[in-house]
Amino acid sequence: MHLSPRHEPSPPNQSTRPPLFQVVPAGIAFFHIKETATGRVRGFREDHNQACALARSLEARIELLA
């Protein structure tokens, strides 16, 4: 009996390209949102969840311009 490998489709709205922004710890309860291409800090937040939300927002804005 031959079993073919199971290929699962990728989840919708999820691409395989690397993220444009990265959330990096920058002290105690402080996070920088860094642009991965240049290393420049584009924003900062005291809450990790808010920092991630800002990174997603910045990425969405860039995708709209492309």
PDB file of N, CA and C in Angstrom:
ATOM      1  N   MET A   1       0.842  -1.177   0.000  1.00  0.00           N
ATOM      2  CA  MET A   1       0.000   0.000   0.000  1.00  0.00           C
ATOM      3  C   MET A   1       0.888   1.241   0.000  1.00  0.00           C
ATOM      4  N   HIS A   2       0.565   2.202  -0.847  1.00  0.00           N
ATOM      5  CA  HIS A   2       1.346   3.427  -0.968  1.00  0.00           C
ATOM      6  C   HIS A   2       0.594   4.575  -0.304  1.00  0.00           C
ATOM      7  N   LEU A   3       1.252   5.253   0.608  1.00  0.00           N
ATOM      8  CA  LEU A   3       0.652   6.417   1.258  1.00  0.00           C
ATOM      9  C   LEU A   3       1.337   7.677   0.747  1.00  0.00           C
ATOM     10  N   SER A   4       0.547   8.597   0.267  1.00  0.00           N
ATOM     11  CA  SER A   4       1.135   9.853  -0.195  1.00  0.00           C
ATOM     12  C   SER A   4       1.346  10.782   0.996  1.00  0.00           C
ATOM     13  N   PRO A   5       2.359  11.644   0.918  1.00  0.00           N
ATOM     14  CA  PRO A   5       2.579  12.568   2.029  1.00  0.00           C
ATOM     15  C   PRO A   5       1.409  13.536   2.170  1.00  0.00           C
ATOM     16  N   ARG A   6       1.110  13.853   3.382  1.00  0.00           N
ATOM     17  CA  ARG A   6      -0.025  14.742   3.650  1.00  0.00           C
ATOM     18  C   ARG A   6       0.434  16.194   3.544  1.00  0.00           C
ATOM     19  N   HIS A   7      -0.188  16.923   2.656  1.00  0.00           N
ATOM     20  CA  HIS A   7       0.128  18.337   2.487  1.00  0.00           C
ATOM     21  C   HIS A   7      -1.042  19.150   2.999  1.00  0.00           C
ATOM     22  N   GLU A   8      -0.774  19.935   4.021  1.00  0.00           N
ATOM     23  CA  GLU A   8      -1.829  20.774   4.571  1.00  0.00           C
ATOM     24  C   GLU A   8      -1.735  22.154   3.943  1.00  0.00           C
ATOM     25  N   PRO A   9      -2.870  22.715   3.557  1.00  0.00           N
ATOM     26  CA  PRO A   9      -2.830  24.057   2.975  1.00  0.00           C
ATOM     27  C   PRO A   9      -2.441  25.085   4.033  1.00  0.00           C
ATOM     28  N   SER A  10      -1.782  26.146   3.578  1.00  0.00           N
ATOM     29  CA  SER A  10      -1.412  27.191   4.536  1.00  0.00           C
ATOM     30  C   SER A  10      -2.659  27.950   4.960  1.00  0.00           C
ATOM     31  N   PRO A  11      -2.671  28.430   6.192  1.00  0.00           N
ATOM     32  CA  PRO A  11      -3.842  29.166   6.675  1.00  0.00           C
ATOM     33  C   PRO A  11      -4.067  30.428   5.846  1.00  0.00           C
ATOM     34  N   PRO A  12      -5.314  30.845   5.675  1.00  0.00           N
ATOM     35  CA  PRO A  12      -5.570  32.054   4.902  1.00  0.00           C
ATOM     36  C   PRO A  12      -4.990  33.273   5.605  1.00  0.00           C
ATOM     37  N   ASN A  13      -4.677  34.312   4.828  1.00  0.00           N
ATOM     38  CA  ASN A  13      -4.138  35.575   5.332  1.00  0.00           C
ATOM     39  C   ASN A  13      -2.785  35.414   6.017  1.00  0.00           C
ATOM     40  N   GLN A  14      -2.063  34.366   5.703  1.00  0.00           N
ATOM     41  CA  GLN A  14      -0.749  34.183   6.297  1.00  0.00           C
ATOM     42  C   GLN A  14       0.240  33.916   5.173  1.00  0.00           C
ATOM     43  N   SER A  15       1.205  34.812   5.021  1.00  0.00           N
ATOM     44  CA  SER A  15       2.157  34.654   3.935  1.00  0.00           C
ATOM     45  C   SER A  15       3.440  34.022   4.460  1.00  0.00           C
ATOM     46  N   THR A  16       4.285  33.615   3.532  1.00  0.00           N
ATOM     47  CA  THR A  16       5.529  32.971   3.919  1.00  0.00           C
ATOM     48  C   THR A  16       6.692  33.958   3.929  1.00  0.00           C
ATOM     49  N   ARG A  17       6.459  35.217   3.616  1.00  0.00           N
ATOM     50  CA  ARG A  17       7.544  36.198   3.623  1.00  0.00           C
ATOM     51  C   ARG A  17       7.869  36.614   5.057  1.00  0.00           C
ATOM     52  N   PRO A  18       9.096  37.045   5.288  1.00  0.00           N
ATOM     53  CA  PRO A  18       9.465  37.452   6.652  1.00  0.00           C
ATOM     54  C   PRO A  18       8.749  38.739   7.060  1.00  0.00           C
ATOM     55  N   PRO A  19       8.589  38.972   8.347  1.00  0.00           N
ATOM     56  CA  PRO A  19       7.900  40.184   8.795  1.00  0.00           C
ATOM     57  C   PRO A  19       8.718  41.431   8.479  1.00  0.00           C
ATOM     58  N   LEU A  20       8.041  42.547   8.240  1.00  0.00           N
ATOM     59  CA  LEU A  20       8.713  43.813   7.964  1.00  0.00           C
ATOM     60  C   LEU A  20       9.133  44.514   9.249  1.00  0.00           C
ATOM     61  N   PHE A  21       8.439  44.212  10.345  1.00  0.00           N
ATOM     62  CA  PHE A  21       8.730  44.833  11.633  1.00  0.00           C
ATOM     63  C   PHE A  21       8.867  43.754  12.695  1.00  0.00           C
ATOM     64  N   GLN A  22       9.725  44.036  13.678  1.00  0.00           N
ATOM     65  CA  GLN A  22       9.978  43.072  14.742  1.00  0.00           C
ATOM     66  C   GLN A  22       9.867  43.785  16.085  1.00  0.00           C
ATOM     67  N   VAL A  23       9.213  43.145  17.037  1.00  0.00           N
ATOM     68  CA  VAL A  23       9.093  43.687  18.390  1.00  0.00           C
ATOM     69  C   VAL A  23      10.271  43.159  19.205  1.00  0.00           C
ATOM     70  N   VAL A  24      11.061  44.093  19.767  1.00  0.00           N
ATOM     71  CA  VAL A  24      12.258  43.720  20.512  1.00  0.00           C
ATOM     72  C   VAL A  24      12.223  44.314  21.919  1.00  0.00           C
ATOM     73  N   PRO A  25      12.549  43.515  22.941  1.00  0.00           N
ATOM     74  CA  PRO A  25      12.610  44.071  24.295  1.00  0.00           C
ATOM     75  C   PRO A  25      13.696  45.144  24.366  1.00  0.00           C
ATOM     76  N   ALA A  26      13.386  46.255  25.031  1.00  0.00           N
ATOM     77  CA  ALA A  26      14.339  47.369  25.118  1.00  0.00           C
ATOM     78  C   ALA A  26      14.466  47.868  26.549  1.00  0.00           C
ATOM     79  N   GLY A  27      14.247  47.022  27.501  1.00  0.00           N
ATOM     80  CA  GLY A  27      14.323  47.409  28.903  1.00  0.00           C
ATOM     81  C   GLY A  27      13.237  46.696  29.678  1.00  0.00           C
ATOM     82  N   ILE A  28      13.039  47.130  30.898  1.00  0.00           N
ATOM     83  CA  ILE A  28      12.009  46.518  31.731  1.00  0.00           C
ATOM     84  C   ILE A  28      10.651  47.043  31.285  1.00  0.00           C
ATOM     85  N   ALA A  29       9.795  46.139  30.823  1.00  0.00           N
ATOM     86  CA  ALA A  29       8.442  46.484  30.356  1.00  0.00           C
ATOM     87  C   ALA A  29       8.476  47.585  29.310  1.00  0.00           C
ATOM     88  N   PHE A  30       9.387  47.464  28.324  1.00  0.00           N
ATOM     89  CA  PHE A  30       9.494  48.455  27.258  1.00  0.00           C
ATOM     90  C   PHE A  30       9.916  47.726  25.987  1.00  0.00           C
ATOM     91  N   PHE A  31       9.265  48.027  24.870  1.00  0.00           N
ATOM     92  CA  PHE A  31       9.510  47.305  23.627  1.00  0.00           C
ATOM     93  C   PHE A  31       9.669  48.271  22.467  1.00  0.00           C
ATOM     94  N   HIS A  32      10.667  48.025  21.627  1.00  0.00           N
ATOM     95  CA  HIS A  32      10.847  48.778  20.396  1.00  0.00           C
ATOM     96  C   HIS A  32      10.217  48.003  19.249  1.00  0.00           C
ATOM     97  N   ILE A  33       9.668  48.721  18.278  1.00  0.00           N
ATOM     98  CA  ILE A  33       9.194  48.122  17.041  1.00  0.00           C
ATOM     99  C   ILE A  33      10.235  48.495  15.999  1.00  0.00           C
ATOM    100  N   LYS A  34      11.003  47.503  15.573  1.00  0.00           N
ATOM    101  CA  LYS A  34      12.151  47.734  14.711  1.00  0.00           C
ATOM    102  C   LYS A  34      11.852  47.275  13.288  1.00  0.00           C
ATOM    103  N   GLU A  35      12.227  48.101  12.315  1.00  0.00           N
ATOM    104  CA  GLU A  35      12.092  47.735  10.906  1.00  0.00           C
ATOM    105  C   GLU A  35      13.202  46.737  10.590  1.00  0.00           C
ATOM    106  N   THR A  36      12.836  45.564  10.096  1.00  0.00           N
ATOM    107  CA  THR A  36      13.833  44.508   9.906  1.00  0.00           C
ATOM    108  C   THR A  36      14.803  44.822   8.771  1.00  0.00           C
ATOM    109  N   ALA A  37      14.372  45.543   7.748  1.00  0.00           N
ATOM    110  CA  ALA A  37      15.239  45.829   6.604  1.00  0.00           C
ATOM    111  C   ALA A  37      16.360  46.801   6.963  1.00  0.00           C
ATOM    112  N   THR A  38      16.069  47.796   7.794  1.00  0.00           N
ATOM    113  CA  THR A  38      17.045  48.842   8.097  1.00  0.00           C
ATOM    114  C   THR A  38      17.564  48.798   9.525  1.00  0.00           C
ATOM    115  N   GLY A  39      16.831  48.159  10.426  1.00  0.00           N
ATOM    116  CA  GLY A  39      17.213  48.143  11.829  1.00  0.00           C
ATOM    117  C   GLY A  39      16.778  49.383  12.587  1.00  0.00           C
ATOM    118  N   ARG A  40      16.089  50.296  11.905  1.00  0.00           N
ATOM    119  CA  ARG A  40      15.637  51.532  12.549  1.00  0.00           C
ATOM    120  C   ARG A  40      14.420  51.270  13.427  1.00  0.00           C
ATOM    121  N   VAL A  41      14.384  51.935  14.574  1.00  0.00           N
ATOM    122  CA  VAL A  41      13.241  51.830  15.480  1.00  0.00           C
ATOM    123  C   VAL A  41      12.145  52.742  14.953  1.00  0.00           C
ATOM    124  N   ARG A  42      10.964  52.177  14.717  1.00  0.00           N
ATOM    125  CA  ARG A  42       9.837  52.925  14.149  1.00  0.00           C
ATOM    126  C   ARG A  42       8.776  53.264  15.178  1.00  0.00           C
ATOM    127  N   GLY A  43       8.899  52.713  16.384  1.00  0.00           N
ATOM    128  CA  GLY A  43       7.936  53.009  17.429  1.00  0.00           C
ATOM    129  C   GLY A  43       8.322  52.293  18.708  1.00  0.00           C
ATOM    130  N   PHE A  44       7.582  52.563  19.757  1.00  0.00           N
ATOM    131  CA  PHE A  44       7.840  51.903  21.033  1.00  0.00           C
ATOM    132  C   PHE A  44       6.557  51.870  21.844  1.00  0.00           C
ATOM    133  N   ARG A  45       6.474  50.895  22.717  1.00  0.00           N
ATOM    134  CA  ARG A  45       5.323  50.733  23.604  1.00  0.00           C
ATOM    135  C   ARG A  45       5.790  50.115  24.919  1.00  0.00           C
ATOM    136  N   GLU A  46       5.017  50.350  25.977  1.00  0.00           N
ATOM    137  CA  GLU A  46       5.326  49.748  27.274  1.00  0.00           C
ATOM    138  C   GLU A  46       4.684  48.376  27.430  1.00  0.00           C
ATOM    139  N   ASP A  47       3.679  48.079  26.635  1.00  0.00           N
ATOM    140  CA  ASP A  47       2.959  46.809  26.725  1.00  0.00           C
ATOM    141  C   ASP A  47       3.284  45.957  25.498  1.00  0.00           C
ATOM    142  N   HIS A  48       3.622  44.691  25.715  1.00  0.00           N
ATOM    143  CA  HIS A  48       3.995  43.816  24.602  1.00  0.00           C
ATOM    144  C   HIS A  48       2.855  43.648  23.600  1.00  0.00           C
ATOM    145  N   ASN A  49       1.643  43.465  24.083  1.00  0.00           N
ATOM    146  CA  ASN A  49       0.506  43.304  23.173  1.00  0.00           C
ATOM    147  C   ASN A  49       0.291  44.549  22.325  1.00  0.00           C
ATOM    148  N   GLN A  50       0.445  45.729  22.924  1.00  0.00           N
ATOM    149  CA  GLN A  50       0.306  46.973  22.166  1.00  0.00           C
ATOM    150  C   GLN A  50       1.444  47.130  21.161  1.00  0.00           C
ATOM    151  N   ALA A  51       2.643  46.687  21.526  1.00  0.00           N
ATOM    152  CA  ALA A  51       3.778  46.744  20.603  1.00  0.00           C
ATOM    153  C   ALA A  51       3.529  45.842  19.396  1.00  0.00           C
ATOM    154  N   CYS A  52       2.994  44.663  19.630  1.00  0.00           N
ATOM    155  CA  CYS A  52       2.672  43.749  18.525  1.00  0.00           C
ATOM    156  C   CYS A  52       1.575  44.332  17.641  1.00  0.00           C
ATOM    157  N   ALA A  53       0.587  44.966  18.260  1.00  0.00           N
ATOM    158  CA  ALA A  53      -0.491  45.590  17.493  1.00  0.00           C
ATOM    159  C   ALA A  53       0.054  46.717  16.627  1.00  0.00           C
ATOM    160  N   LEU A  54       0.983  47.512  17.159  1.00  0.00           N
ATOM    161  CA  LEU A  54       1.583  48.587  16.368  1.00  0.00           C
ATOM    162  C   LEU A  54       2.392  48.015  15.211  1.00  0.00           C
ATOM    163  N   ALA A  55       3.134  46.953  15.443  1.00  0.00           N
ATOM    164  CA  ALA A  55       3.912  46.317  14.375  1.00  0.00           C
ATOM    165  C   ALA A  55       2.992  45.816  13.265  1.00  0.00           C
ATOM    166  N   ARG A  56       1.868  45.196  13.637  1.00  0.00           N
ATOM    167  CA  ARG A  56       0.908  44.731  12.625  1.00  0.00           C
ATOM    168  C   ARG A  56       0.306  45.907  11.863  1.00  0.00           C
ATOM    169  N   SER A  57       0.019  46.992  12.569  1.00  0.00           N
ATOM    170  CA  SER A  57      -0.556  48.179  11.945  1.00  0.00           C
ATOM    171  C   SER A  57       0.422  48.802  10.948  1.00  0.00           C
ATOM    172  N   LEU A  58       1.679  48.927  11.336  1.00  0.00           N
ATOM    173  CA  LEU A  58       2.690  49.481  10.431  1.00  0.00           C
ATOM    174  C   LEU A  58       2.852  48.601   9.197  1.00  0.00           C
ATOM    175  N   GLU A  59       2.841  47.307   9.404  1.00  0.00           N
ATOM    176  CA  GLU A  59       2.984  46.378   8.279  1.00  0.00           C
ATOM    177  C   GLU A  59       1.788  46.478   7.332  1.00  0.00           C
ATOM    178  N   ALA A  60       0.594  46.612   7.881  1.00  0.00           N
ATOM    179  CA  ALA A  60      -0.608  46.728   7.050  1.00  0.00           C
ATOM    180  C   ALA A  60      -0.565  48.007   6.219  1.00  0.00           C
ATOM    181  N   ARG A  61      -0.068  49.092   6.799  1.00  0.00           N
ATOM    182  CA  ARG A  61       0.037  50.357   6.055  1.00  0.00           C
ATOM    183  C   ARG A  61       0.986  50.229   4.884  1.00  0.00           C
ATOM    184  N   ILE A  62       2.106  49.551   5.094  1.00  0.00           N
ATOM    185  CA  ILE A  62       3.079  49.371   4.017  1.00  0.00           C
ATOM    186  C   ILE A  62       2.496  48.487   2.923  1.00  0.00           C
ATOM    187  N   GLU A  63       1.754  47.444   3.309  1.00  0.00           N
ATOM    188  CA  GLU A  63       1.139  46.558   2.316  1.00  0.00           C
ATOM    189  C   GLU A  63       0.122  47.312   1.474  1.00  0.00           C
ATOM    190  N   LEU A  64      -0.577  48.280   2.070  1.00  0.00           N
ATOM    191  CA  LEU A  64      -1.550  49.067   1.315  1.00  0.00           C
ATOM    192  C   LEU A  64      -0.868  49.948   0.278  1.00  0.00           C
ATOM    193  N   LEU A  65       0.329  50.425   0.579  1.00  0.00           N
ATOM    194  CA  LEU A  65       1.053  51.299  -0.338  1.00  0.00           C
ATOM    195  C   LEU A  65       1.705  50.529  -1.478  1.00  0.00           C
ATOM    196  N   ALA A  66       1.947  49.249  -1.276  1.00  0.00           N
ATOM    197  CA  ALA A  66       2.641  48.449  -2.297  1.00  0.00           C
ATOM    198  C   ALA A  66       1.738  48.094  -3.453  1.00  0.00           C
TER     199      ALA A  66
END
